Amino acid sequence: MIGENIQKLSVKKGISVPFLADNLGMSVQNVYRLFKKQSIESKHLVRLSEILDVPVGLFFSDVMDKTFPGKSKIELEKELDQLSSEYARSDKARYEQIQYLKEQVNFYREQAESLKTINEQLRKIINESNK
């Protein structure tokens, strides 16, 4: 089940098997074997969720069927696509906020250097005037 879900997601996202193999550090044949598995190591699940840009829980659609009875797979997929999009937007917003904060830190670092230089120049002037 889980392997099939990974295969469906990779096809849906347009991600090739060779790309998955390269990013998982395994052969193309092992990726095809992975598609047939019912359990997969957590390190691979985490990496696959990063590559496919989906939450790890999306690989367990059979569990979702039991958790959300009465909802069709299409409804669940739409909701999960929406959540994935929101997750990606929030990641982008966090990234932009981090970039802004880095710029602020650099700005204040430059200001501190300028003040340090001015302070040194003032000390020289004061020392020269005291002579």
N, C-alpha and C. Protein backbone atom coordinates (compact mmCIF):
# COMPACT_ATOMS: atom_id res chain seq x y z
N MET A 1 0.80 -1.20 0.00
CA MET A 1 0.00 0.00 0.00
C MET A 1 0.85 1.27 0.00
N ILE A 2 1.76 1.37 0.96
CA ILE A 2 2.51 2.61 1.08
C ILE A 2 3.38 2.85 -0.15
N GLY A 3 3.97 1.79 -0.68
CA GLY A 3 4.78 1.92 -1.89
C GLY A 3 3.96 2.40 -3.07
N GLU A 4 2.75 1.85 -3.18
CA GLU A 4 1.85 2.27 -4.26
C GLU A 4 1.51 3.75 -4.12
N ASN A 5 1.27 4.18 -2.90
CA ASN A 5 0.94 5.59 -2.66
C ASN A 5 2.11 6.50 -3.05
N ILE A 6 3.31 6.07 -2.75
CA ILE A 6 4.50 6.84 -3.12
C ILE A 6 4.62 6.91 -4.64
N GLN A 7 4.39 5.79 -5.29
CA GLN A 7 4.47 5.77 -6.75
C GLN A 7 3.42 6.70 -7.36
N LYS A 8 2.18 6.63 -6.86
CA LYS A 8 1.11 7.50 -7.37
C LYS A 8 1.45 8.97 -7.18
N LEU A 9 1.97 9.31 -6.00
CA LEU A 9 2.33 10.70 -5.72
C LEU A 9 3.46 11.19 -6.62
N SER A 10 4.45 10.33 -6.84
CA SER A 10 5.57 10.75 -7.68
C SER A 10 5.11 10.97 -9.12
N VAL A 11 4.22 10.11 -9.60
CA VAL A 11 3.67 10.29 -10.95
C VAL A 11 2.85 11.57 -11.00
N LYS A 12 2.00 11.76 -9.99
CA LYS A 12 1.14 12.95 -9.93
C LYS A 12 1.98 14.23 -9.91
N LYS A 13 3.11 14.19 -9.20
CA LYS A 13 3.97 15.37 -9.09
C LYS A 13 4.95 15.48 -10.26
N GLY A 14 4.96 14.48 -11.16
CA GLY A 14 5.85 14.52 -12.32
C GLY A 14 7.30 14.28 -11.98
N ILE A 15 7.54 13.51 -10.93
CA ILE A 15 8.91 13.23 -10.50
C ILE A 15 9.30 11.84 -10.99
N SER A 16 10.41 11.79 -11.71
CA SER A 16 10.84 10.54 -12.34
C SER A 16 11.48 9.59 -11.34
N VAL A 17 11.48 8.33 -11.70
CA VAL A 17 12.12 7.30 -10.88
C VAL A 17 13.63 7.55 -10.76
N PRO A 18 14.33 7.88 -11.87
CA PRO A 18 15.76 8.17 -11.72
C PRO A 18 16.03 9.35 -10.77
N PHE A 19 15.17 10.36 -10.79
CA PHE A 19 15.32 11.50 -9.88
C PHE A 19 15.16 11.04 -8.44
N LEU A 20 14.14 10.22 -8.19
CA LEU A 20 13.94 9.67 -6.84
C LEU A 20 15.15 8.86 -6.41
N ALA A 21 15.64 8.02 -7.32
CA ALA A 21 16.79 7.17 -7.00
C ALA A 21 17.99 8.03 -6.61
N ASP A 22 18.28 9.04 -7.40
CA ASP A 22 19.42 9.93 -7.09
C ASP A 22 19.26 10.60 -5.74
N ASN A 23 18.07 11.08 -5.46
CA ASN A 23 17.84 11.83 -4.22
C ASN A 23 17.68 10.95 -2.99
N LEU A 24 17.41 9.68 -3.21
CA LEU A 24 17.31 8.74 -2.09
C LEU A 24 18.61 7.98 -1.89
N GLY A 25 19.54 8.12 -2.85
CA GLY A 25 20.81 7.41 -2.75
C GLY A 25 20.65 5.92 -2.97
N MET A 26 19.79 5.56 -3.90
CA MET A 26 19.59 4.15 -4.21
C MET A 26 19.47 3.97 -5.72
N SER A 27 19.49 2.74 -6.14
CA SER A 27 19.38 2.45 -7.57
C SER A 27 17.94 2.58 -8.04
N VAL A 28 17.78 2.70 -9.35
CA VAL A 28 16.44 2.77 -9.95
C VAL A 28 15.67 1.49 -9.62
N GLN A 29 16.36 0.35 -9.67
CA GLN A 29 15.70 -0.92 -9.36
C GLN A 29 15.17 -0.94 -7.93
N ASN A 30 15.94 -0.36 -7.00
CA ASN A 30 15.47 -0.33 -5.61
C ASN A 30 14.27 0.60 -5.43
N VAL A 31 14.20 1.65 -6.23
CA VAL A 31 13.01 2.52 -6.16
C VAL A 31 11.79 1.73 -6.62
N TYR A 32 11.93 0.96 -7.70
CA TYR A 32 10.81 0.14 -8.16
C TYR A 32 10.43 -0.90 -7.10
N ARG A 33 11.41 -1.44 -6.40
CA ARG A 33 11.12 -2.38 -5.29
C ARG A 33 10.39 -1.65 -4.17
N LEU A 34 10.79 -0.41 -3.91
CA LEU A 34 10.16 0.39 -2.87
C LEU A 34 8.67 0.58 -3.17
N PHE A 35 8.34 0.75 -4.45
CA PHE A 35 6.94 0.93 -4.86
C PHE A 35 6.08 -0.29 -4.53
N LYS A 36 6.71 -1.44 -4.33
CA LYS A 36 5.96 -2.67 -4.06
C LYS A 36 5.90 -3.00 -2.57
N LYS A 37 6.59 -2.20 -1.75
CA LYS A 37 6.66 -2.51 -0.31
C LYS A 37 5.43 -2.01 0.43
N GLN A 38 5.19 -2.69 1.56
CA GLN A 38 4.10 -2.26 2.44
C GLN A 38 4.62 -1.52 3.65
N SER A 39 5.93 -1.60 3.87
CA SER A 39 6.53 -0.79 4.94
C SER A 39 7.87 -0.28 4.43
N ILE A 40 8.20 0.93 4.86
CA ILE A 40 9.41 1.60 4.38
C ILE A 40 10.08 2.27 5.57
N GLU A 41 11.41 2.26 5.56
CA GLU A 41 12.16 2.89 6.65
C GLU A 41 11.77 4.36 6.79
N SER A 42 11.71 4.81 8.03
CA SER A 42 11.29 6.19 8.28
C SER A 42 12.22 7.21 7.63
N LYS A 43 13.52 6.91 7.57
CA LYS A 43 14.44 7.88 6.94
C LYS A 43 14.08 8.08 5.47
N HIS A 44 13.62 7.00 4.81
CA HIS A 44 13.21 7.13 3.41
C HIS A 44 11.88 7.89 3.31
N LEU A 45 10.97 7.64 4.25
CA LEU A 45 9.69 8.34 4.24
C LEU A 45 9.89 9.84 4.40
N VAL A 46 10.76 10.22 5.32
CA VAL A 46 11.02 11.64 5.55
C VAL A 46 11.63 12.27 4.30
N ARG A 47 12.61 11.58 3.73
CA ARG A 47 13.27 12.12 2.53
C ARG A 47 12.28 12.19 1.36
N LEU A 48 11.44 11.17 1.20
CA LEU A 48 10.43 11.19 0.14
C LEU A 48 9.44 12.33 0.32
N SER A 49 9.06 12.60 1.57
CA SER A 49 8.13 13.71 1.81
C SER A 49 8.77 15.04 1.42
N GLU A 50 10.09 15.16 1.63
CA GLU A 50 10.80 16.38 1.22
C GLU A 50 10.87 16.47 -0.30
N ILE A 51 11.23 15.37 -0.94
CA ILE A 51 11.37 15.36 -2.40
C ILE A 51 10.03 15.65 -3.08
N LEU A 52 8.97 15.01 -2.58
CA LEU A 52 7.66 15.16 -3.19
C LEU A 52 6.91 16.38 -2.66
N ASP A 53 7.47 17.01 -1.64
CA ASP A 53 6.88 18.21 -1.04
C ASP A 53 5.46 17.93 -0.55
N VAL A 54 5.33 16.86 0.24
CA VAL A 54 4.05 16.48 0.83
C VAL A 54 4.28 16.06 2.28
N PRO A 55 3.27 16.14 3.12
CA PRO A 55 3.42 15.63 4.48
C PRO A 55 3.56 14.11 4.47
N VAL A 56 4.31 13.58 5.41
CA VAL A 56 4.54 12.13 5.48
C VAL A 56 3.23 11.37 5.56
N GLY A 57 2.25 11.92 6.26
CA GLY A 57 0.96 11.25 6.42
C GLY A 57 0.25 10.94 5.12
N LEU A 58 0.60 11.67 4.08
CA LEU A 58 -0.05 11.45 2.79
C LEU A 58 0.26 10.07 2.22
N PHE A 59 1.37 9.48 2.63
CA PHE A 59 1.74 8.15 2.14
C PHE A 59 0.83 7.06 2.71
N PHE A 60 0.09 7.39 3.75
CA PHE A 60 -0.74 6.41 4.43
C PHE A 60 -2.22 6.62 4.10
N SER A 61 -2.55 6.69 2.82
CA SER A 61 -3.93 6.99 2.43
C SER A 61 -4.91 5.92 2.89
N ASP A 62 -4.44 4.66 3.02
CA ASP A 62 -5.34 3.62 3.50
C ASP A 62 -5.75 3.88 4.94
N VAL A 63 -4.84 4.45 5.73
CA VAL A 63 -5.16 4.83 7.10
C VAL A 63 -6.15 5.99 7.08
N MET A 64 -5.96 6.91 6.14
CA MET A 64 -6.85 8.05 6.04
C MET A 64 -8.26 7.60 5.68
N ASP A 65 -8.36 6.57 4.84
CA ASP A 65 -9.69 6.05 4.49
C ASP A 65 -10.43 5.59 5.74
N LYS A 66 -9.70 4.96 6.66
CA LYS A 66 -10.31 4.48 7.90
C LYS A 66 -10.55 5.63 8.87
N THR A 67 -9.68 6.63 8.83
CA THR A 67 -9.78 7.76 9.75
C THR A 67 -10.89 8.72 9.34
N PHE A 68 -11.09 8.86 8.03
CA PHE A 68 -12.10 9.79 7.51
C PHE A 68 -13.15 9.03 6.71
N PRO A 69 -13.92 8.17 7.38
CA PRO A 69 -14.93 7.41 6.63
C PRO A 69 -15.97 8.34 6.03
N GLY A 70 -16.44 7.96 4.87
CA GLY A 70 -17.46 8.75 4.22
C GLY A 70 -16.92 9.79 3.27
N LYS A 71 -15.63 10.06 3.34
CA LYS A 71 -15.03 11.02 2.41
C LYS A 71 -14.38 10.23 1.28
N SER A 72 -14.59 10.70 0.08
CA SER A 72 -14.00 10.03 -1.06
C SER A 72 -12.50 10.33 -1.12
N LYS A 73 -11.77 9.49 -1.84
CA LYS A 73 -10.34 9.73 -2.01
C LYS A 73 -10.11 11.06 -2.70
N ILE A 74 -10.99 11.41 -3.62
CA ILE A 74 -10.83 12.68 -4.33
C ILE A 74 -10.96 13.85 -3.35
N GLU A 75 -11.95 13.78 -2.45
CA GLU A 75 -12.10 14.83 -1.44
C GLU A 75 -10.87 14.91 -0.55
N LEU A 76 -10.40 13.74 -0.11
CA LEU A 76 -9.20 13.71 0.74
C LEU A 76 -7.99 14.25 0.00
N GLU A 77 -7.83 13.87 -1.26
CA GLU A 77 -6.70 14.36 -2.04
C GLU A 77 -6.77 15.88 -2.22
N LYS A 78 -7.97 16.40 -2.45
CA LYS A 78 -8.12 17.86 -2.58
C LYS A 78 -7.75 18.55 -1.28
N GLU A 79 -8.23 18.01 -0.17
CA GLU A 79 -7.90 18.60 1.12
C GLU A 79 -6.40 18.53 1.39
N LEU A 80 -5.80 17.39 1.06
CA LEU A 80 -4.37 17.24 1.26
C LEU A 80 -3.57 18.14 0.33
N ASP A 81 -4.03 18.29 -0.91
CA ASP A 81 -3.37 19.23 -1.82
C ASP A 81 -3.43 20.65 -1.26
N GLN A 82 -4.59 21.00 -0.72
CA GLN A 82 -4.75 22.33 -0.14
C GLN A 82 -3.82 22.49 1.06
N LEU A 83 -3.76 21.48 1.92
CA LEU A 83 -2.86 21.54 3.07
C LEU A 83 -1.40 21.62 2.63
N SER A 84 -1.05 20.87 1.60
CA SER A 84 0.32 20.91 1.08
C SER A 84 0.64 22.31 0.56
N SER A 85 -0.31 22.91 -0.14
CA SER A 85 -0.11 24.27 -0.65
C SER A 85 0.05 25.27 0.49
N GLU A 86 -0.80 25.12 1.51
CA GLU A 86 -0.69 26.02 2.67
C GLU A 86 0.64 25.82 3.38
N TYR A 87 1.07 24.57 3.48
CA TYR A 87 2.35 24.24 4.10
C TYR A 87 3.49 24.88 3.32
N ALA A 88 3.43 24.79 1.99
CA ALA A 88 4.47 25.38 1.14
C ALA A 88 4.47 26.90 1.28
N ARG A 89 3.27 27.50 1.34
CA ARG A 89 3.20 28.97 1.51
C ARG A 89 3.76 29.39 2.85
N SER A 90 3.46 28.62 3.90
CA SER A 90 3.98 28.99 5.22
C SER A 90 5.49 28.82 5.26
N ASP A 91 6.01 27.80 4.58
CA ASP A 91 7.47 27.63 4.48
C ASP A 91 8.09 28.81 3.75
N LYS A 92 7.44 29.25 2.68
CA LYS A 92 7.95 30.39 1.92
C LYS A 92 7.93 31.64 2.79
N ALA A 93 6.86 31.83 3.54
CA ALA A 93 6.76 32.99 4.42
C ALA A 93 7.85 32.95 5.49
N ARG A 94 8.11 31.77 6.06
CA ARG A 94 9.18 31.64 7.05
C ARG A 94 10.54 31.93 6.43
N TYR A 95 10.74 31.42 5.22
CA TYR A 95 12.01 31.67 4.51
C TYR A 95 12.19 33.16 4.28
N GLU A 96 11.14 33.83 3.82
CA GLU A 96 11.23 35.27 3.58
C GLU A 96 11.48 36.04 4.88
N GLN A 97 10.87 35.60 5.96
CA GLN A 97 11.08 36.25 7.25
C GLN A 97 12.53 36.05 7.70
N ILE A 98 13.06 34.88 7.51
CA ILE A 98 14.46 34.61 7.88
C ILE A 98 15.39 35.48 7.04
N GLN A 99 15.11 35.60 5.75
CA GLN A 99 15.94 36.44 4.88
C GLN A 99 15.89 37.89 5.35
N TYR A 100 14.71 38.36 5.69
CA TYR A 100 14.55 39.73 6.18
C TYR A 100 15.37 39.93 7.46
N LEU A 101 15.27 38.97 8.38
CA LEU A 101 16.02 39.09 9.63
C LEU A 101 17.53 39.06 9.39
N LYS A 102 17.97 38.25 8.44
CA LYS A 102 19.40 38.23 8.10
C LYS A 102 19.84 39.59 7.56
N GLU A 103 19.01 40.19 6.73
CA GLU A 103 19.32 41.52 6.20
C GLU A 103 19.39 42.54 7.34
N GLN A 104 18.47 42.44 8.28
CA GLN A 104 18.48 43.34 9.43
C GLN A 104 19.75 43.16 10.25
N VAL A 105 20.12 41.92 10.49
CA VAL A 105 21.35 41.65 11.25
C VAL A 105 22.55 42.24 10.54
N ASN A 106 22.64 42.04 9.24
CA ASN A 106 23.75 42.61 8.47
C ASN A 106 23.75 44.13 8.53
N PHE A 107 22.58 44.73 8.42
CA PHE A 107 22.48 46.19 8.50
C PHE A 107 23.00 46.69 9.85
N TYR A 108 22.54 46.08 10.94
CA TYR A 108 22.96 46.53 12.26
C TYR A 108 24.44 46.21 12.51
N ARG A 109 24.93 45.15 11.93
CA ARG A 109 26.35 44.83 12.03
C ARG A 109 27.18 45.94 11.35
N GLU A 110 26.73 46.37 10.18
CA GLU A 110 27.41 47.46 9.47
C GLU A 110 27.33 48.75 10.28
N GLN A 111 26.17 49.01 10.88
CA GLN A 111 26.02 50.22 11.70
C GLN A 111 26.97 50.17 12.89
N ALA A 112 27.09 49.01 13.51
CA ALA A 112 27.99 48.86 14.66
C ALA A 112 29.44 49.10 14.23
N GLU A 113 29.83 48.60 13.08
CA GLU A 113 31.19 48.83 12.57
C GLU A 113 31.42 50.31 12.31
N SER A 114 30.44 50.99 11.75
CA SER A 114 30.55 52.43 11.50
C SER A 114 30.71 53.19 12.80
N LEU A 115 29.91 52.83 13.80
CA LEU A 115 30.00 53.49 15.10
C LEU A 115 31.35 53.23 15.76
N LYS A 116 31.85 52.04 15.59
CA LYS A 116 33.16 51.69 16.14
C LYS A 116 34.25 52.56 15.51
N THR A 117 34.18 52.74 14.19
CA THR A 117 35.15 53.58 13.47
C THR A 117 35.04 55.03 13.93
N ILE A 118 33.82 55.52 14.06
CA ILE A 118 33.62 56.91 14.52
C ILE A 118 34.16 57.07 15.94
N ASN A 119 33.91 56.09 16.79
CA ASN A 119 34.39 56.12 18.17
C ASN A 119 35.92 56.19 18.21
N GLU A 120 36.57 55.38 17.38
CA GLU A 120 38.04 55.38 17.32
C GLU A 120 38.56 56.75 16.85
N GLN A 121 37.89 57.33 15.86
CA GLN A 121 38.30 58.64 15.36
C GLN A 121 38.13 59.71 16.43
N LEU A 122 37.03 59.65 17.16
CA LEU A 122 36.80 60.61 18.25
C LEU A 122 37.86 60.46 19.34
N ARG A 123 38.22 59.27 19.68
CA ARG A 123 39.27 59.05 20.69
C ARG A 123 40.59 59.66 20.24
N LYS A 124 40.92 59.48 18.95
CA LYS A 124 42.16 60.06 18.42
C LYS A 124 42.13 61.58 18.54
N ILE A 125 41.00 62.16 18.19
CA ILE A 125 40.86 63.62 18.24
C ILE A 125 41.00 64.10 19.71
N ILE A 126 40.35 63.40 20.62
CA ILE A 126 40.41 63.77 22.04
C ILE A 126 41.83 63.62 22.55
N ASN A 127 42.51 62.53 22.19
CA ASN A 127 43.89 62.31 22.63
C ASN A 127 44.82 63.38 22.09
N GLU A 128 44.62 63.77 20.84
CA GLU A 128 45.45 64.80 20.23
C GLU A 128 45.20 66.17 20.87
N SER A 129 43.95 66.44 21.23
CA SER A 129 43.64 67.73 21.84
C SER A 129 44.14 67.81 23.29
N ASN A 130 44.29 66.66 23.94
CA ASN A 130 44.77 66.64 25.32
C ASN A 130 46.31 66.80 25.38
N LYS A 131 46.98 66.67 24.28
CA LYS A 131 48.46 66.78 24.27
C LYS A 131 48.91 68.18 24.38
